[in-house]
Amino acid sequence: MRIGELAAQAGMSRDTIRFYEKVGLVTGRRLANGYRDFPPEAVPWLHYVRTAQTLGFSLAEIARHGEELREAPDSAQALSVLFEQKIQVIDARMAELATLRAELATRVDTGCPLRAIGRPS
């Protein structure tokens, strides 16, 4: 299928598909007339990519695990492992953000909030 049809079926722009092709998330072949031709299985794969993005996976992570994700059944243990790893990353980031929030809160109404706290100036 050509890029316009793929874009319509996947619910995304042609530019998005071109970008995904550039970064290796989707592959199309070139026809003799120069048009891109994508296989029908590109549609569910692009839906999968969008869902993974919604769940917080970066395009780099999706690309890195692409083959594994394409071949895994929906109930695959491999997907659960990826989700557990992502939860660990989120938990670590939440802890970092809580620490940052606490630091900012101690600086509210201190006169010069960028000065080091607890050290002589």
N, C-alpha and C. Protein backbone atom coordinates (compact mmCIF):
# COMPACT_ATOMS: atom_id res chain seq x y z
N MET A 1 0.85 -1.17 0.00
CA MET A 1 0.00 0.00 0.00
C MET A 1 0.89 1.23 0.00
N ARG A 2 0.42 2.29 -0.62
CA ARG A 2 1.20 3.52 -0.70
C ARG A 2 1.06 4.30 0.60
N ILE A 3 1.92 5.27 0.76
CA ILE A 3 2.04 5.99 2.02
C ILE A 3 0.75 6.70 2.41
N GLY A 4 0.02 7.25 1.44
CA GLY A 4 -1.23 7.94 1.75
C GLY A 4 -2.26 7.00 2.34
N GLU A 5 -2.36 5.81 1.78
CA GLU A 5 -3.30 4.81 2.28
C GLU A 5 -2.88 4.34 3.67
N LEU A 6 -1.58 4.12 3.84
CA LEU A 6 -1.08 3.71 5.15
C LEU A 6 -1.36 4.79 6.19
N ALA A 7 -1.13 6.03 5.83
CA ALA A 7 -1.38 7.14 6.76
C ALA A 7 -2.85 7.18 7.17
N ALA A 8 -3.73 7.02 6.20
CA ALA A 8 -5.17 7.04 6.50
C ALA A 8 -5.56 5.88 7.41
N GLN A 9 -5.08 4.69 7.10
CA GLN A 9 -5.45 3.52 7.90
C GLN A 9 -4.83 3.54 9.29
N ALA A 10 -3.62 4.11 9.40
CA ALA A 10 -2.94 4.15 10.70
C ALA A 10 -3.35 5.37 11.52
N GLY A 11 -4.02 6.33 10.89
CA GLY A 11 -4.46 7.52 11.61
C GLY A 11 -3.32 8.46 11.96
N MET A 12 -2.37 8.57 11.06
CA MET A 12 -1.25 9.48 11.28
C MET A 12 -0.88 10.15 9.96
N SER A 13 -0.02 11.14 10.04
CA SER A 13 0.34 11.88 8.84
C SER A 13 1.40 11.14 8.01
N ARG A 14 1.49 11.52 6.77
CA ARG A 14 2.54 10.97 5.90
C ARG A 14 3.92 11.34 6.43
N ASP A 15 4.03 12.56 6.95
CA ASP A 15 5.32 13.00 7.50
C ASP A 15 5.75 12.11 8.67
N THR A 16 4.79 11.73 9.50
CA THR A 16 5.10 10.84 10.63
C THR A 16 5.60 9.50 10.11
N ILE A 17 4.94 8.98 9.11
CA ILE A 17 5.36 7.69 8.55
C ILE A 17 6.74 7.82 7.91
N ARG A 18 6.99 8.92 7.21
CA ARG A 18 8.32 9.13 6.63
C ARG A 18 9.38 9.18 7.73
N PHE A 19 9.07 9.86 8.84
CA PHE A 19 10.01 9.93 9.96
C PHE A 19 10.23 8.54 10.54
N TYR A 20 9.15 7.80 10.76
CA TYR A 20 9.28 6.44 11.29
C TYR A 20 10.12 5.57 10.36
N GLU A 21 9.96 5.78 9.07
CA GLU A 21 10.77 5.03 8.11
C GLU A 21 12.24 5.44 8.23
N LYS A 22 12.48 6.72 8.39
CA LYS A 22 13.85 7.23 8.50
C LYS A 22 14.56 6.65 9.71
N VAL A 23 13.84 6.51 10.84
CA VAL A 23 14.46 5.97 12.06
C VAL A 23 14.36 4.45 12.14
N GLY A 24 13.80 3.81 11.13
CA GLY A 24 13.79 2.35 11.07
C GLY A 24 12.63 1.65 11.75
N LEU A 25 11.58 2.39 12.08
CA LEU A 25 10.43 1.76 12.73
C LEU A 25 9.50 1.07 11.75
N VAL A 26 9.50 1.52 10.53
CA VAL A 26 8.67 0.91 9.50
C VAL A 26 9.49 0.91 8.20
N THR A 27 9.28 -0.12 7.40
CA THR A 27 10.05 -0.24 6.17
C THR A 27 9.12 -0.39 4.98
N GLY A 28 9.38 0.41 3.99
CA GLY A 28 8.66 0.29 2.74
C GLY A 28 9.66 0.10 1.62
N ARG A 29 9.21 -0.49 0.56
CA ARG A 29 10.10 -0.64 -0.59
C ARG A 29 9.72 0.41 -1.61
N ARG A 30 10.65 0.72 -2.47
CA ARG A 30 10.41 1.71 -3.53
C ARG A 30 9.95 0.99 -4.79
N LEU A 31 8.87 1.48 -5.34
CA LEU A 31 8.38 0.96 -6.61
C LEU A 31 9.18 1.59 -7.75
N ALA A 32 9.02 1.08 -8.95
CA ALA A 32 9.74 1.61 -10.11
C ALA A 32 9.45 3.09 -10.34
N ASN A 33 8.24 3.53 -9.97
CA ASN A 33 7.87 4.94 -10.16
C ASN A 33 8.35 5.83 -9.01
N GLY A 34 9.05 5.24 -8.03
CA GLY A 34 9.59 6.01 -6.91
C GLY A 34 8.68 6.06 -5.69
N TYR A 35 7.44 5.60 -5.82
CA TYR A 35 6.52 5.60 -4.68
C TYR A 35 6.94 4.56 -3.65
N ARG A 36 6.61 4.85 -2.39
CA ARG A 36 6.84 3.89 -1.32
C ARG A 36 5.69 2.88 -1.33
N ASP A 37 6.02 1.65 -1.04
CA ASP A 37 5.02 0.60 -0.95
C ASP A 37 5.24 -0.12 0.38
N PHE A 38 4.20 -0.11 1.22
CA PHE A 38 4.30 -0.70 2.55
C PHE A 38 3.44 -1.96 2.61
N PRO A 39 3.88 -2.95 3.38
CA PRO A 39 3.08 -4.17 3.51
C PRO A 39 1.86 -3.91 4.39
N PRO A 40 0.80 -4.69 4.24
CA PRO A 40 -0.42 -4.50 5.05
C PRO A 40 -0.17 -4.60 6.55
N GLU A 41 0.82 -5.40 6.95
CA GLU A 41 1.08 -5.54 8.39
C GLU A 41 1.69 -4.28 9.01
N ALA A 42 2.01 -3.29 8.20
CA ALA A 42 2.51 -2.02 8.73
C ALA A 42 1.43 -1.29 9.53
N VAL A 43 0.16 -1.49 9.18
CA VAL A 43 -0.94 -0.79 9.86
C VAL A 43 -1.02 -1.21 11.34
N PRO A 44 -1.16 -2.50 11.64
CA PRO A 44 -1.21 -2.86 13.07
C PRO A 44 0.10 -2.52 13.80
N TRP A 45 1.23 -2.64 13.09
CA TRP A 45 2.50 -2.29 13.72
C TRP A 45 2.53 -0.82 14.11
N LEU A 46 2.05 0.07 13.25
CA LEU A 46 2.03 1.50 13.58
C LEU A 46 1.07 1.79 14.73
N HIS A 47 -0.03 1.08 14.80
CA HIS A 47 -0.93 1.21 15.95
C HIS A 47 -0.20 0.77 17.23
N TYR A 48 0.57 -0.29 17.11
CA TYR A 48 1.35 -0.81 18.23
C TYR A 48 2.37 0.23 18.69
N VAL A 49 3.04 0.87 17.72
CA VAL A 49 4.03 1.91 18.04
C VAL A 49 3.36 3.04 18.80
N ARG A 50 2.20 3.48 18.34
CA ARG A 50 1.49 4.56 19.02
C ARG A 50 1.08 4.17 20.43
N THR A 51 0.63 2.95 20.61
CA THR A 51 0.26 2.48 21.94
C THR A 51 1.48 2.45 22.85
N ALA A 52 2.60 1.97 22.34
CA ALA A 52 3.83 1.93 23.14
C ALA A 52 4.26 3.33 23.54
N GLN A 53 4.12 4.29 22.62
CA GLN A 53 4.45 5.68 22.95
C GLN A 53 3.53 6.20 24.06
N THR A 54 2.26 5.88 23.96
CA THR A 54 1.29 6.29 24.98
C THR A 54 1.66 5.72 26.35
N LEU A 55 2.26 4.54 26.35
CA LEU A 55 2.68 3.90 27.60
C LEU A 55 4.04 4.39 28.08
N GLY A 56 4.60 5.38 27.39
CA GLY A 56 5.84 6.00 27.85
C GLY A 56 7.11 5.49 27.23
N PHE A 57 7.01 4.61 26.25
CA PHE A 57 8.20 4.12 25.59
C PHE A 57 8.64 5.12 24.52
N SER A 58 9.93 5.40 24.48
CA SER A 58 10.46 6.31 23.47
C SER A 58 10.57 5.58 22.13
N LEU A 59 10.70 6.34 21.07
CA LEU A 59 10.88 5.72 19.76
C LEU A 59 12.16 4.89 19.73
N ALA A 60 13.19 5.36 20.44
CA ALA A 60 14.44 4.60 20.50
C ALA A 60 14.22 3.24 21.18
N GLU A 61 13.44 3.25 22.26
CA GLU A 61 13.15 1.99 22.95
C GLU A 61 12.32 1.07 22.06
N ILE A 62 11.37 1.64 21.36
CA ILE A 62 10.53 0.83 20.46
C ILE A 62 11.38 0.25 19.35
N ALA A 63 12.26 1.06 18.79
CA ALA A 63 13.14 0.58 17.72
C ALA A 63 14.08 -0.51 18.24
N ARG A 64 14.61 -0.31 19.45
CA ARG A 64 15.55 -1.27 20.03
C ARG A 64 14.88 -2.63 20.25
N HIS A 65 13.61 -2.62 20.61
CA HIS A 65 12.90 -3.87 20.90
C HIS A 65 11.91 -4.24 19.80
N GLY A 66 12.03 -3.58 18.65
CA GLY A 66 11.07 -3.76 17.57
C GLY A 66 10.84 -5.17 17.14
N GLU A 67 11.91 -5.89 16.86
CA GLU A 67 11.77 -7.27 16.39
C GLU A 67 11.10 -8.12 17.46
N GLU A 68 11.52 -7.94 18.69
CA GLU A 68 10.94 -8.68 19.82
C GLU A 68 9.44 -8.36 19.95
N LEU A 69 9.09 -7.09 19.80
CA LEU A 69 7.69 -6.69 19.93
C LEU A 69 6.84 -7.19 18.77
N ARG A 70 7.39 -7.14 17.57
CA ARG A 70 6.63 -7.58 16.39
C ARG A 70 6.27 -9.05 16.47
N GLU A 71 7.18 -9.85 16.99
CA GLU A 71 6.99 -11.29 16.98
C GLU A 71 6.32 -11.83 18.24
N ALA A 72 6.16 -10.98 19.26
CA ALA A 72 5.60 -11.45 20.53
C ALA A 72 4.08 -11.48 20.47
N PRO A 73 3.49 -12.57 20.95
CA PRO A 73 2.03 -12.55 21.08
C PRO A 73 1.65 -11.55 22.17
N ASP A 74 0.41 -11.10 22.15
CA ASP A 74 -0.04 -10.06 23.08
C ASP A 74 0.18 -10.44 24.54
N SER A 75 0.17 -11.70 24.86
CA SER A 75 0.32 -12.12 26.25
C SER A 75 1.75 -12.54 26.58
N ALA A 76 2.69 -12.22 25.72
CA ALA A 76 4.06 -12.70 25.86
C ALA A 76 4.71 -12.20 27.14
N GLN A 77 5.47 -13.07 27.76
CA GLN A 77 6.23 -12.73 28.96
C GLN A 77 7.24 -11.64 28.65
N ALA A 78 7.77 -11.62 27.44
CA ALA A 78 8.76 -10.60 27.08
C ALA A 78 8.18 -9.21 27.23
N LEU A 79 6.91 -9.04 26.88
CA LEU A 79 6.27 -7.73 27.03
C LEU A 79 6.14 -7.36 28.50
N SER A 80 5.81 -8.32 29.33
CA SER A 80 5.70 -8.06 30.76
C SER A 80 7.04 -7.64 31.33
N VAL A 81 8.11 -8.25 30.88
CA VAL A 81 9.44 -7.87 31.34
C VAL A 81 9.75 -6.44 30.93
N LEU A 82 9.43 -6.07 29.70
CA LEU A 82 9.65 -4.69 29.25
C LEU A 82 8.82 -3.71 30.08
N PHE A 83 7.59 -4.08 30.39
CA PHE A 83 6.74 -3.22 31.21
C PHE A 83 7.31 -3.07 32.62
N GLU A 84 7.79 -4.17 33.19
CA GLU A 84 8.38 -4.10 34.52
C GLU A 84 9.62 -3.20 34.53
N GLN A 85 10.43 -3.30 33.49
CA GLN A 85 11.61 -2.44 33.38
C GLN A 85 11.20 -0.98 33.27
N LYS A 86 10.16 -0.72 32.51
CA LYS A 86 9.69 0.66 32.35
C LYS A 86 9.15 1.19 33.67
N ILE A 87 8.46 0.36 34.43
CA ILE A 87 7.96 0.77 35.74
C ILE A 87 9.13 1.15 36.65
N GLN A 88 10.21 0.39 36.60
CA GLN A 88 11.39 0.71 37.41
C GLN A 88 11.97 2.07 37.01
N VAL A 89 12.03 2.35 35.73
CA VAL A 89 12.53 3.65 35.25
C VAL A 89 11.62 4.77 35.74
N ILE A 90 10.33 4.55 35.65
CA ILE A 90 9.35 5.56 36.10
C ILE A 90 9.48 5.79 37.60
N ASP A 91 9.60 4.70 38.36
CA ASP A 91 9.75 4.83 39.82
C ASP A 91 11.00 5.62 40.17
N ALA A 92 12.11 5.35 39.49
CA ALA A 92 13.36 6.08 39.75
C ALA A 92 13.20 7.55 39.41
N ARG A 93 12.55 7.82 38.31
CA ARG A 93 12.33 9.22 37.90
C ARG A 93 11.41 9.93 38.89
N MET A 94 10.39 9.24 39.37
CA MET A 94 9.49 9.83 40.37
C MET A 94 10.24 10.17 41.65
N ALA A 95 11.17 9.30 42.05
CA ALA A 95 11.98 9.57 43.24
C ALA A 95 12.86 10.79 43.02
N GLU A 96 13.46 10.89 41.83
CA GLU A 96 14.27 12.07 41.49
C GLU A 96 13.44 13.33 41.53
N LEU A 97 12.25 13.26 40.98
CA LEU A 97 11.37 14.43 40.96
C LEU A 97 10.91 14.81 42.37
N ALA A 98 10.66 13.82 43.23
CA ALA A 98 10.27 14.12 44.61
C ALA A 98 11.40 14.83 45.34
N THR A 99 12.64 14.40 45.11
CA THR A 99 13.80 15.05 45.71
C THR A 99 13.94 16.47 45.20
N LEU A 100 13.78 16.65 43.91
CA LEU A 100 13.85 17.98 43.32
C LEU A 100 12.76 18.88 43.86
N ARG A 101 11.57 18.35 44.00
CA ARG A 101 10.45 19.14 44.54
C ARG A 101 10.74 19.59 45.96
N ALA A 102 11.27 18.66 46.77
CA ALA A 102 11.59 18.99 48.15
C ALA A 102 12.65 20.08 48.20
N GLU A 103 13.65 20.00 47.36
CA GLU A 103 14.71 21.02 47.29
C GLU A 103 14.13 22.38 46.91
N LEU A 104 13.27 22.39 45.93
CA LEU A 104 12.64 23.65 45.52
C LEU A 104 11.78 24.22 46.65
N ALA A 105 11.06 23.35 47.33
CA ALA A 105 10.18 23.80 48.41
C ALA A 105 10.97 24.45 49.54
N THR A 106 12.18 23.94 49.82
CA THR A 106 12.99 24.55 50.88
C THR A 106 13.50 25.93 50.49
N ARG A 107 13.50 26.24 49.21
CA ARG A 107 14.01 27.51 48.73
C ARG A 107 12.93 28.59 48.59
N VAL A 108 11.69 28.22 48.71
CA VAL A 108 10.60 29.19 48.61
C VAL A 108 10.72 30.18 49.76
N ASP A 109 10.59 31.46 49.43
CA ASP A 109 10.63 32.55 50.42
C ASP A 109 11.95 32.61 51.20
N THR A 110 13.06 32.26 50.56
CA THR A 110 14.36 32.34 51.25
C THR A 110 15.14 33.59 50.89
N GLY A 111 14.56 34.46 50.12
CA GLY A 111 15.26 35.69 49.74
C GLY A 111 16.01 35.53 48.44
N CYS A 112 16.99 34.67 48.43
CA CYS A 112 17.74 34.41 47.19
C CYS A 112 17.71 32.90 46.95
N PRO A 113 16.70 32.44 46.27
CA PRO A 113 16.48 30.99 46.14
C PRO A 113 17.57 30.23 45.40
N LEU A 114 18.47 30.94 44.68
CA LEU A 114 19.52 30.22 43.94
C LEU A 114 20.81 30.10 44.73
N ARG A 115 20.91 30.77 45.85
CA ARG A 115 22.09 30.67 46.70
C ARG A 115 22.10 29.30 47.38
N ALA A 116 23.29 28.74 47.54
CA ALA A 116 23.40 27.44 48.20
C ALA A 116 22.90 27.55 49.63
N ILE A 117 22.07 26.63 50.02
CA ILE A 117 21.49 26.62 51.36
C ILE A 117 22.45 25.87 52.28
N GLY A 118 22.66 26.45 53.45
CA GLY A 118 23.49 25.79 54.45
C GLY A 118 24.96 26.12 54.32
N ARG A 119 25.36 26.89 53.34
CA ARG A 119 26.76 27.28 53.16
C ARG A 119 26.87 28.79 53.28
N PRO A 120 27.96 29.27 53.85
CA PRO A 120 28.13 30.72 53.90
C PRO A 120 28.32 31.29 52.51
N SER A 121 27.80 32.49 52.28
CA SER A 121 27.91 33.06 50.95
C SER A 121 29.16 33.88 50.79
